[in-house]
């Protein structure tokens, strides 16, 4: 599967460990702001590559 550079940077960050959206932003300088991150996460979710879950009221993202 071929990822865009933004998708790849998010996916690689999540391969290390489950992260919140703000943690992903810190780890991925290619993503300029939270709205773009949500767009990339939605793309990865639709490809079946990423899931999200809630833990203690905080949403985390992980590799599927």
PDB file of N, CA and C in Angstrom:
ATOM      1  N   UNK A   1       0.838  -1.182   0.000  1.00  0.00           N
ATOM      2  CA  UNK A   1       0.000   0.000   0.000  1.00  0.00           C
ATOM      3  C   UNK A   1       0.879   1.239   0.000  1.00  0.00           C
ATOM      4  N   UNK A   2       0.515   2.205  -0.805  1.00  0.00           N
ATOM      5  CA  UNK A   2       1.278   3.450  -0.925  1.00  0.00           C
ATOM      6  C   UNK A   2       0.579   4.562  -0.128  1.00  0.00           C
ATOM      7  N   UNK A   3       1.302   5.141   0.824  1.00  0.00           N
ATOM      8  CA  UNK A   3       0.782   6.229   1.644  1.00  0.00           C
ATOM      9  C   UNK A   3       1.269   7.565   1.111  1.00  0.00           C
ATOM     10  N   UNK A   4       0.501   8.631   1.369  1.00  0.00           N
ATOM     11  CA  UNK A   4       1.032   9.976   1.149  1.00  0.00           C
ATOM     12  C   UNK A   4       2.070  10.229   2.241  1.00  0.00           C
ATOM     13  N   UNK A   5       2.865  11.269   2.094  1.00  0.00           N
ATOM     14  CA  UNK A   5       3.901  11.540   3.097  1.00  0.00           C
ATOM     15  C   UNK A   5       3.277  11.854   4.463  1.00  0.00           C
ATOM     16  N   UNK A   6       2.148  12.552   4.469  1.00  0.00           N
ATOM     17  CA  UNK A   6       1.478  12.860   5.734  1.00  0.00           C
ATOM     18  C   UNK A   6       0.911  11.593   6.375  1.00  0.00           C
ATOM     19  N   UNK A   7       0.283  10.739   5.569  1.00  0.00           N
ATOM     20  CA  UNK A   7      -0.240   9.477   6.096  1.00  0.00           C
ATOM     21  C   UNK A   7       0.893   8.630   6.668  1.00  0.00           C
ATOM     22  N   UNK A   8       2.001   8.585   5.955  1.00  0.00           N
ATOM     23  CA  UNK A   8       3.134   7.783   6.409  1.00  0.00           C
ATOM     24  C   UNK A   8       3.695   8.316   7.725  1.00  0.00           C
ATOM     25  N   UNK A   9       3.799   9.634   7.867  1.00  0.00           N
ATOM     26  CA  UNK A   9       4.352  10.178   9.103  1.00  0.00           C
ATOM     27  C   UNK A   9       3.446   9.869  10.302  1.00  0.00           C
ATOM     28  N   UNK A  10       2.126   9.944  10.110  1.00  0.00           N
ATOM     29  CA  UNK A  10       1.191   9.607  11.190  1.00  0.00           C
ATOM     30  C   UNK A  10       1.265   8.117  11.503  1.00  0.00           C
ATOM     31  N   UNK A  11       1.257   7.277  10.472  1.00  0.00           N
ATOM     32  CA  UNK A  11       1.305   5.830  10.669  1.00  0.00           C
ATOM     33  C   UNK A  11       2.580   5.412  11.407  1.00  0.00           C
ATOM     34  N   UNK A  12       3.715   5.978  11.020  1.00  0.00           N
ATOM     35  CA  UNK A  12       4.983   5.626  11.670  1.00  0.00           C
ATOM     36  C   UNK A  12       5.001   6.066  13.132  1.00  0.00           C
ATOM     37  N   UNK A  13       4.417   7.216  13.425  1.00  0.00           N
ATOM     38  CA  UNK A  13       4.339   7.663  14.824  1.00  0.00           C
ATOM     39  C   UNK A  13       3.492   6.694  15.644  1.00  0.00           C
ATOM     40  N   UNK A  14       2.388   6.224  15.055  1.00  0.00           N
ATOM     41  CA  UNK A  14       1.492   5.320  15.779  1.00  0.00           C
ATOM     42  C   UNK A  14       2.045   3.901  15.884  1.00  0.00           C
ATOM     43  N   UNK A  15       2.972   3.544  14.999  1.00  0.00           N
ATOM     44  CA  UNK A  15       3.594   2.213  15.116  1.00  0.00           C
ATOM     45  C   UNK A  15       4.414   2.109  16.395  1.00  0.00           C
ATOM     46  N   UNK A  16       4.944   3.235  16.859  1.00  0.00           N
ATOM     47  CA  UNK A  16       5.764   3.232  18.076  1.00  0.00           C
ATOM     48  C   UNK A  16       4.908   2.983  19.310  1.00  0.00           C
ATOM     49  N   UNK A  17       3.752   3.693  19.391  1.00  0.00           N
ATOM     50  CA  UNK A  17       2.854   3.529  20.533  1.00  0.00           C
ATOM     51  C   UNK A  17       1.553   4.256  20.245  1.00  0.00           C
ATOM     52  N   UNK A  18       0.525   3.944  21.018  1.00  0.00           N
ATOM     53  CA  UNK A  18      -0.757   4.633  20.906  1.00  0.00           C
ATOM     54  C   UNK A  18      -0.575   6.081  21.349  1.00  0.00           C
ATOM     55  N   UNK A  19      -1.175   7.006  20.605  1.00  0.00           N
ATOM     56  CA  UNK A  19      -0.997   8.429  20.878  1.00  0.00           C
ATOM     57  C   UNK A  19      -2.318   9.183  20.824  1.00  0.00           C
ATOM     58  N   UNK A  20      -2.380  10.295  21.547  1.00  0.00           N
ATOM     59  CA  UNK A  20      -3.506  11.214  21.413  1.00  0.00           C
ATOM     60  C   UNK A  20      -3.249  12.104  20.199  1.00  0.00           C
ATOM     61  N   UNK A  21      -4.261  12.845  19.794  1.00  0.00           N
ATOM     62  CA  UNK A  21      -4.097  13.736  18.638  1.00  0.00           C
ATOM     63  C   UNK A  21      -2.999  14.766  18.876  1.00  0.00           C
ATOM     64  N   UNK A  22      -2.962  15.356  20.061  1.00  0.00           N
ATOM     65  CA  UNK A  22      -1.928  16.367  20.322  1.00  0.00           C
ATOM     66  C   UNK A  22      -0.528  15.747  20.336  1.00  0.00           C
ATOM     67  N   UNK A  23      -0.414  14.517  20.801  1.00  0.00           N
ATOM     68  CA  UNK A  23       0.892  13.830  20.768  1.00  0.00           C
ATOM     69  C   UNK A  23       1.324  13.548  19.330  1.00  0.00           C
ATOM     70  N   UNK A  24       0.358  13.181  18.484  1.00  0.00           N
ATOM     71  CA  UNK A  24       0.684  12.940  17.071  1.00  0.00           C
ATOM     72  C   UNK A  24       1.199  14.229  16.436  1.00  0.00           C
ATOM     73  N   UNK A  25       0.540  15.350  16.714  1.00  0.00           N
ATOM     74  CA  UNK A  25       0.982  16.638  16.158  1.00  0.00           C
ATOM     75  C   UNK A  25       2.425  16.946  16.545  1.00  0.00           C
ATOM     76  N   UNK A  26       2.803  16.667  17.772  1.00  0.00           N
ATOM     77  CA  UNK A  26       4.175  16.907  18.234  1.00  0.00           C
ATOM     78  C   UNK A  26       5.173  16.017  17.509  1.00  0.00           C
ATOM     79  N   UNK A  27       4.748  14.803  17.169  1.00  0.00           N
ATOM     80  CA  UNK A  27       5.647  13.817  16.553  1.00  0.00           C
ATOM     81  C   UNK A  27       5.747  13.957  15.031  1.00  0.00           C
ATOM     82  N   UNK A  28       4.814  14.677  14.423  1.00  0.00           N
ATOM     83  CA  UNK A  28       4.745  14.727  12.959  1.00  0.00           C
ATOM     84  C   UNK A  28       4.775  16.170  12.450  1.00  0.00           C
ATOM     85  N   UNK A  29       5.963  16.717  12.226  1.00  0.00           N
ATOM     86  CA  UNK A  29       6.076  18.099  11.764  1.00  0.00           C
ATOM     87  C   UNK A  29       5.439  18.349  10.390  1.00  0.00           C
ATOM     88  N   UNK A  30       5.186  17.287   9.622  1.00  0.00           N
ATOM     89  CA  UNK A  30       4.554  17.452   8.303  1.00  0.00           C
ATOM     90  C   UNK A  30       3.075  17.831   8.414  1.00  0.00           C
ATOM     91  N   UNK A  31       2.480  17.611   9.594  1.00  0.00           N
ATOM     92  CA  UNK A  31       1.068  17.926   9.800  1.00  0.00           C
ATOM     93  C   UNK A  31       1.008  19.309  10.453  1.00  0.00           C
ATOM     94  N   UNK A  32       0.499  20.321   9.733  1.00  0.00           N
ATOM     95  CA  UNK A  32       0.578  21.696  10.234  1.00  0.00           C
ATOM     96  C   UNK A  32      -0.407  22.047  11.351  1.00  0.00           C
ATOM     97  N   UNK A  33      -1.571  21.391  11.392  1.00  0.00           N
ATOM     98  CA  UNK A  33      -2.569  21.745  12.402  1.00  0.00           C
ATOM     99  C   UNK A  33      -3.542  20.587  12.612  1.00  0.00           C
ATOM    100  N   UNK A  34      -4.341  20.702  13.661  1.00  0.00           N
ATOM    101  CA  UNK A  34      -5.208  19.602  14.110  1.00  0.00           C
ATOM    102  C   UNK A  34      -6.234  19.202  13.050  1.00  0.00           C
ATOM    103  N   UNK A  35      -6.770  20.164  12.294  1.00  0.00           N
ATOM    104  CA  UNK A  35      -7.780  19.818  11.287  1.00  0.00           C
ATOM    105  C   UNK A  35      -7.181  18.941  10.189  1.00  0.00           C
ATOM    106  N   UNK A  36      -5.953  19.221   9.800  1.00  0.00           N
ATOM    107  CA  UNK A  36      -5.292  18.375   8.796  1.00  0.00           C
ATOM    108  C   UNK A  36      -5.030  16.990   9.381  1.00  0.00           C
ATOM    109  N   UNK A  37      -4.656  16.942  10.650  1.00  0.00           N
ATOM    110  CA  UNK A  37      -4.433  15.648  11.295  1.00  0.00           C
ATOM    111  C   UNK A  37      -5.704  14.813  11.283  1.00  0.00           C
ATOM    112  N   UNK A  38      -6.843  15.428  11.626  1.00  0.00           N
ATOM    113  CA  UNK A  38      -8.101  14.680  11.619  1.00  0.00           C
ATOM    114  C   UNK A  38      -8.423  14.163  10.224  1.00  0.00           C
ATOM    115  N   UNK A  39      -8.113  14.930   9.216  1.00  0.00           N
ATOM    116  CA  UNK A  39      -8.336  14.498   7.837  1.00  0.00           C
ATOM    117  C   UNK A  39      -7.470  13.271   7.511  1.00  0.00           C
ATOM    118  N   UNK A  40      -6.208  13.331   7.896  1.00  0.00           N
ATOM    119  CA  UNK A  40      -5.291  12.207   7.652  1.00  0.00           C
ATOM    120  C   UNK A  40      -5.727  10.977   8.447  1.00  0.00           C
ATOM    121  N   UNK A  41      -6.128  11.166   9.696  1.00  0.00           N
ATOM    122  CA  UNK A  41      -6.608  10.033  10.501  1.00  0.00           C
ATOM    123  C   UNK A  41      -7.846   9.401   9.873  1.00  0.00           C
ATOM    124  N   UNK A  42      -8.764  10.223   9.375  1.00  0.00           N
ATOM    125  CA  UNK A  42      -9.957   9.695   8.704  1.00  0.00           C
ATOM    126  C   UNK A  42      -9.578   8.874   7.475  1.00  0.00           C
ATOM    127  N   UNK A  43      -8.603   9.355   6.707  1.00  0.00           N
ATOM    128  CA  UNK A  43      -8.135   8.611   5.528  1.00  0.00           C
ATOM    129  C   UNK A  43      -7.577   7.257   5.949  1.00  0.00           C
ATOM    130  N   UNK A  44      -6.738   7.252   6.981  1.00  0.00           N
ATOM    131  CA  UNK A  44      -6.127   6.000   7.450  1.00  0.00           C
ATOM    132  C   UNK A  44      -7.176   5.056   8.039  1.00  0.00           C
ATOM    133  N   UNK A  45      -8.184   5.606   8.722  1.00  0.00           N
ATOM    134  CA  UNK A  45      -9.267   4.773   9.250  1.00  0.00           C
ATOM    135  C   UNK A  45     -10.055   4.127   8.119  1.00  0.00           C
ATOM    136  N   UNK A  46     -10.328   4.885   7.063  1.00  0.00           N
ATOM    137  CA  UNK A  46     -11.098   4.333   5.939  1.00  0.00           C
ATOM    138  C   UNK A  46     -10.314   3.240   5.208  1.00  0.00           C
ATOM    139  N   UNK A  47      -8.992   3.283   5.302  1.00  0.00           N
ATOM    140  CA  UNK A  47      -8.151   2.233   4.719  1.00  0.00           C
ATOM    141  C   UNK A  47      -7.996   1.034   5.657  1.00  0.00           C
ATOM    142  N   UNK A  48      -8.549   1.169   6.872  1.00  0.00           N
ATOM    143  CA  UNK A  48      -8.437   0.084   7.853  1.00  0.00           C
ATOM    144  C   UNK A  48      -7.085   0.001   8.517  1.00  0.00           C
ATOM    145  N   UNK A  49      -6.317   1.084   8.491  1.00  0.00           N
ATOM    146  CA  UNK A  49      -4.959   1.069   9.028  1.00  0.00           C
ATOM    147  C   UNK A  49      -4.866   1.591  10.465  1.00  0.00           C
ATOM    148  N   UNK A  50      -5.866   2.374  10.895  1.00  0.00           N
ATOM    149  CA  UNK A  50      -5.825   3.025  12.200  1.00  0.00           C
ATOM    150  C   UNK A  50      -7.181   2.891  12.880  1.00  0.00           C
ATOM    151  N   UNK A  51      -7.160   2.712  14.198  1.00  0.00           N
ATOM    152  CA  UNK A  51      -8.360   2.696  15.039  1.00  0.00           C
ATOM    153  C   UNK A  51      -8.205   3.755  16.120  1.00  0.00           C
ATOM    154  N   UNK A  52      -9.321   4.093  16.754  1.00  0.00           N
ATOM    155  CA  UNK A  52      -9.300   4.996  17.909  1.00  0.00           C
ATOM    156  C   UNK A  52     -10.060   4.351  19.051  1.00  0.00           C
ATOM    157  N   UNK A  53      -9.697   4.721  20.275  1.00  0.00           N
ATOM    158  CA  UNK A  53     -10.420   4.247  21.454  1.00  0.00           C
ATOM    159  C   UNK A  53     -10.338   5.310  22.544  1.00  0.00           C
ATOM    160  N   UNK A  54     -11.255   5.222  23.489  1.00  0.00           N
ATOM    161  CA  UNK A  54     -11.280   6.158  24.613  1.00  0.00           C
ATOM    162  C   UNK A  54     -10.700   5.475  25.849  1.00  0.00           C
ATOM    163  N   UNK A  55      -9.879   6.214  26.586  1.00  0.00           N
ATOM    164  CA  UNK A  55      -9.314   5.717  27.846  1.00  0.00           C
ATOM    165  C   UNK A  55      -9.302   6.887  28.819  1.00  0.00           C
ATOM    166  N   UNK A  56     -10.052   6.757  29.902  1.00  0.00           N
ATOM    167  CA  UNK A  56     -10.143   7.788  30.932  1.00  0.00           C
ATOM    168  C   UNK A  56     -10.523   9.144  30.327  1.00  0.00           C
ATOM    169  N   UNK A  57     -11.468   9.121  29.370  1.00  0.00           N
ATOM    170  CA  UNK A  57     -11.978  10.337  28.764  1.00  0.00           C
ATOM    171  C   UNK A  57     -11.090  10.956  27.703  1.00  0.00           C
ATOM    172  N   UNK A  58     -10.036  10.265  27.306  1.00  0.00           N
ATOM    173  CA  UNK A  58      -9.112  10.784  26.295  1.00  0.00           C
ATOM    174  C   UNK A  58      -9.105   9.822  25.106  1.00  0.00           C
ATOM    175  N   UNK A  59      -9.189  10.379  23.883  1.00  0.00           N
ATOM    176  CA  UNK A  59      -9.179   9.551  22.674  1.00  0.00           C
ATOM    177  C   UNK A  59      -7.735   9.274  22.249  1.00  0.00           C
ATOM    178  N   UNK A  60      -7.443   7.995  22.087  1.00  0.00           N
ATOM    179  CA  UNK A  60      -6.146   7.541  21.611  1.00  0.00           C
ATOM    180  C   UNK A  60      -6.316   6.921  20.233  1.00  0.00           C
ATOM    181  N   UNK A  61      -5.252   6.986  19.442  1.00  0.00           N
ATOM    182  CA  UNK A  61      -5.226   6.390  18.113  1.00  0.00           C
ATOM    183  C   UNK A  61      -4.158   5.308  18.108  1.00  0.00           C
ATOM    184  N   UNK A  62      -4.411   4.251  17.340  1.00  0.00           N
ATOM    185  CA  UNK A  62      -3.468   3.129  17.284  1.00  0.00           C
ATOM    186  C   UNK A  62      -3.486   2.504  15.903  1.00  0.00           C
ATOM    187  N   UNK A  63      -2.413   1.778  15.585  1.00  0.00           N
ATOM    188  CA  UNK A  63      -2.363   1.007  14.351  1.00  0.00           C
ATOM    189  C   UNK A  63      -3.341  -0.142  14.483  1.00  0.00           C
ATOM    190  N   UNK A  64      -4.125  -0.370  13.447  1.00  0.00           N
ATOM    191  CA  UNK A  64      -5.154  -1.439  13.468  1.00  0.00           C
ATOM    192  C   UNK A  64      -4.498  -2.806  13.378  1.00  0.00           C
TER     193      UNK A  64
END
